[in-house]
Amino acid sequence: MTTPLEQDLTIESELVDRSAPRIASADALTAIKGAEPARRLMVLSPGRTNEVSSIRITSIALGIAAAMVASGATAQTANLTGTYRCVQDCRDGLIDYPAYVTQNGPELNVVDEAGQPSRATPDWSAPATRIWLDAWDESAVYTPDAMTIQFDNGRIWQRDLGPLPPPPPPPRWNR
């Protein structure tokens, strides 16, 4: 036995197109129950897909927008962990002294060339390229390869890659 809504939809779809699919599911009927008859025809009629397409496009756009929303925890891409050397505007004139950065997720522990510690987090204004150092009340920008960190006060740290390896021995000539 069909309900009056099913009969109404079947009659409307037959008037528009005899090859139109009939709705068999009660869930599908409740989904379009509140729609006005013109919209029901668009859903039932295979020839009119504008309404369905706009719904699909809206759903896809919302999905993409949700995927692009990034929190501060996921925005930082470079691994800043390592030893750096202060090369410009160092505290107390300590040029070429080591500074240390330890990263655990988005959180950083930083010790400068003078031994002053600070906690750092991704900066809210540019979380993928800047950090905020709480104890020093300043911000710093870093390069994508994490080789250089430049602070707002002009101080620059460069990653310490350790001593250069010794040169290869000279070739031996056998006679």
Protein backbone atom coordinates (compact mmCIF):
# COMPACT_ATOMS: atom_id res chain seq x y z
CA MET A 1 0.00 0.00 0.00
CA THR A 2 1.37 3.39 -0.93
CA THR A 3 1.07 6.56 1.09
CA PRO A 4 -0.47 9.73 -0.38
CA LEU A 5 3.04 11.23 -0.63
CA GLU A 6 4.33 8.25 -2.62
CA GLN A 7 1.31 8.45 -4.93
CA ASP A 8 1.86 12.19 -5.37
CA LEU A 9 5.54 11.67 -6.20
CA THR A 10 4.83 8.81 -8.58
CA ILE A 11 2.17 10.79 -10.44
CA GLU A 12 4.44 13.85 -10.66
CA SER A 13 7.39 11.81 -11.94
CA GLU A 14 5.21 10.06 -14.53
CA LEU A 15 3.96 13.43 -15.79
CA VAL A 16 7.50 14.65 -16.28
CA ASP A 17 9.19 11.54 -17.64
CA ARG A 18 8.04 7.93 -17.87
CA SER A 19 11.61 6.60 -17.53
CA ALA A 20 12.16 8.43 -14.23
CA PRO A 21 13.13 6.17 -11.32
CA ARG A 22 10.61 5.61 -8.60
CA ILE A 23 11.55 6.11 -4.95
CA ALA A 24 11.29 2.86 -3.04
CA SER A 25 12.95 3.78 0.24
CA ALA A 26 11.05 5.35 3.12
CA ASP A 27 14.25 7.20 4.13
CA ALA A 28 14.44 8.87 0.72
CA LEU A 29 10.80 9.91 1.03
CA THR A 30 11.38 11.50 4.42
CA ALA A 31 14.47 13.26 3.07
CA ILE A 32 12.43 15.12 0.45
CA LYS A 33 9.10 15.16 2.26
CA GLY A 34 9.28 18.84 3.18
CA ALA A 35 10.40 19.95 -0.28
CA GLU A 36 7.97 21.78 -2.49
CA PRO A 37 6.69 19.84 -5.54
CA ALA A 38 9.01 21.60 -8.01
CA ARG A 39 12.06 20.50 -6.01
CA ARG A 40 10.71 16.96 -5.69
CA LEU A 41 10.45 16.82 -9.46
CA MET A 42 14.09 17.82 -9.79
CA VAL A 43 15.17 15.05 -7.43
CA LEU A 44 13.01 12.41 -9.13
CA SER A 45 13.54 13.39 -12.73
CA PRO A 46 16.79 12.12 -14.30
CA GLY A 47 16.81 14.93 -16.88
CA ARG A 48 17.10 17.71 -14.27
CA THR A 49 20.29 17.45 -12.24
CA ASN A 50 20.91 21.11 -11.37
CA GLU A 51 19.45 20.78 -7.88
CA VAL A 52 21.32 17.55 -7.16
CA SER A 53 24.57 18.92 -8.62
CA SER A 54 24.42 22.04 -6.47
CA ILE A 55 23.87 19.89 -3.40
CA ARG A 56 26.85 17.70 -4.30
CA ILE A 57 29.07 20.71 -5.03
CA THR A 58 28.09 22.30 -1.71
CA SER A 59 28.89 19.06 0.14
CA ILE A 60 32.25 18.74 -1.57
CA ALA A 61 33.12 22.38 -0.89
CA LEU A 62 32.26 21.98 2.80
CA GLY A 63 34.39 18.84 2.99
CA ILE A 64 37.38 20.57 1.42
CA ALA A 65 36.99 23.59 3.71
CA ALA A 66 36.89 21.33 6.76
CA ALA A 67 40.01 19.50 5.61
CA MET A 68 41.89 22.76 5.10
CA VAL A 69 41.22 24.06 8.59
CA ALA A 70 44.46 23.60 10.45
CA SER A 71 45.13 24.03 14.10
CA GLY A 72 48.40 25.32 15.47
CA ALA A 73 49.43 21.77 16.26
CA THR A 74 49.34 20.68 12.64
CA ALA A 75 50.54 23.87 11.02
CA GLN A 76 54.21 23.70 11.99
CA THR A 77 56.01 21.65 9.36
CA ALA A 78 59.75 22.06 10.02
CA ASN A 79 61.59 20.07 12.67
CA LEU A 80 63.57 22.68 14.61
CA THR A 81 65.24 20.25 17.02
CA GLY A 82 68.98 20.68 17.07
CA THR A 83 71.97 22.82 17.99
CA TYR A 84 72.26 26.31 16.54
CA ARG A 85 75.06 28.90 16.63
CA CYS A 86 74.36 32.56 17.27
CA VAL A 87 75.88 34.52 14.39
CA GLN A 88 74.45 38.05 14.73
CA ASP A 89 73.28 40.38 17.56
CA CYS A 90 73.95 37.71 20.19
CA ARG A 91 73.17 38.27 23.89
CA ASP A 92 76.11 39.60 25.85
CA GLY A 93 78.28 39.48 22.68
CA LEU A 94 78.39 35.67 22.74
CA ILE A 95 78.94 35.24 18.99
CA ASP A 96 79.33 31.64 17.82
CA TYR A 97 78.05 30.22 21.12
CA PRO A 98 75.63 27.30 20.92
CA ALA A 99 71.86 27.56 21.39
CA TYR A 100 69.59 24.54 21.70
CA VAL A 101 66.07 23.78 20.48
CA THR A 102 64.10 20.69 21.41
CA GLN A 103 60.75 20.14 19.70
CA ASN A 104 57.97 17.87 20.94
CA GLY A 105 55.01 18.22 18.58
CA PRO A 106 54.19 21.92 18.31
CA GLU A 107 55.85 22.76 21.64
CA LEU A 108 59.49 23.87 21.75
CA ASN A 109 62.02 24.20 24.55
CA VAL A 110 64.70 26.75 23.69
CA VAL A 111 67.95 27.66 25.45
CA ASP A 112 69.80 30.66 24.02
CA GLU A 113 73.56 31.28 23.79
CA ALA A 114 73.57 32.86 27.27
CA GLY A 115 71.84 29.83 28.84
CA GLN A 116 68.41 31.52 29.19
CA PRO A 117 65.58 28.97 28.72
CA SER A 118 62.16 29.63 27.20
CA ARG A 119 59.16 27.69 26.00
CA ALA A 120 57.98 28.40 22.47
CA THR A 121 54.84 27.68 20.47
CA PRO A 122 53.78 28.33 16.87
CA ASP A 123 52.89 32.01 16.49
CA TRP A 124 49.15 32.56 15.93
CA SER A 125 49.80 35.03 13.09
CA ALA A 126 51.88 32.63 10.96
CA PRO A 127 52.05 29.18 12.59
CA ALA A 128 53.90 27.56 9.68
CA THR A 129 56.84 29.99 9.72
CA ARG A 130 56.97 31.74 13.11
CA ILE A 131 57.34 30.81 16.77
CA TRP A 132 56.50 32.78 19.91
CA LEU A 133 58.95 32.58 22.82
CA ASP A 134 57.06 33.17 26.07
CA ALA A 135 59.87 34.00 28.51
CA TRP A 136 61.60 36.38 26.10
CA ASP A 137 58.34 37.98 24.96
CA GLU A 138 59.40 37.94 21.33
CA SER A 139 58.75 36.17 18.07
CA ALA A 140 61.09 34.53 15.59
CA VAL A 141 60.81 33.45 11.98
CA TYR A 142 62.49 30.31 10.68
CA THR A 143 63.36 29.10 7.20
CA PRO A 144 61.42 26.14 5.73
CA ASP A 145 64.55 23.97 5.89
CA ALA A 146 64.99 24.93 9.60
CA MET A 147 68.57 26.03 8.99
CA THR A 148 68.11 29.62 10.25
CA ILE A 149 66.05 31.24 13.01
CA GLN A 150 65.83 35.05 13.04
CA PHE A 151 64.40 36.84 16.07
CA ASP A 152 62.48 40.12 16.04
CA ASN A 153 65.35 41.87 17.84
CA GLY A 154 67.76 41.04 14.98
CA ARG A 155 69.49 38.04 16.54
CA ILE A 156 70.17 35.22 14.07
CA TRP A 157 70.85 31.57 14.80
CA GLN A 158 72.18 29.16 12.18
CA ARG A 159 71.99 25.40 12.55
CA ASP A 160 75.23 23.85 13.74
CA LEU A 161 75.94 20.86 11.54
CA GLY A 162 79.02 19.92 13.53
CA PRO A 163 82.63 19.96 12.37
CA LEU A 164 83.37 19.33 8.75
CA PRO A 165 84.61 15.84 7.97
CA PRO A 166 88.35 15.58 7.33
CA PRO A 167 89.42 15.87 3.71
CA PRO A 168 90.00 12.61 1.88
CA PRO A 169 93.59 11.37 1.84
CA PRO A 170 95.61 12.18 -1.26
CA PRO A 171 95.56 9.48 -3.92
CA ARG A 172 98.29 6.90 -3.79
CA TRP A 173 100.18 6.20 -6.93
CA ASN A 174 101.48 2.70 -7.35
CA ARG A 175 104.51 2.23 -9.58
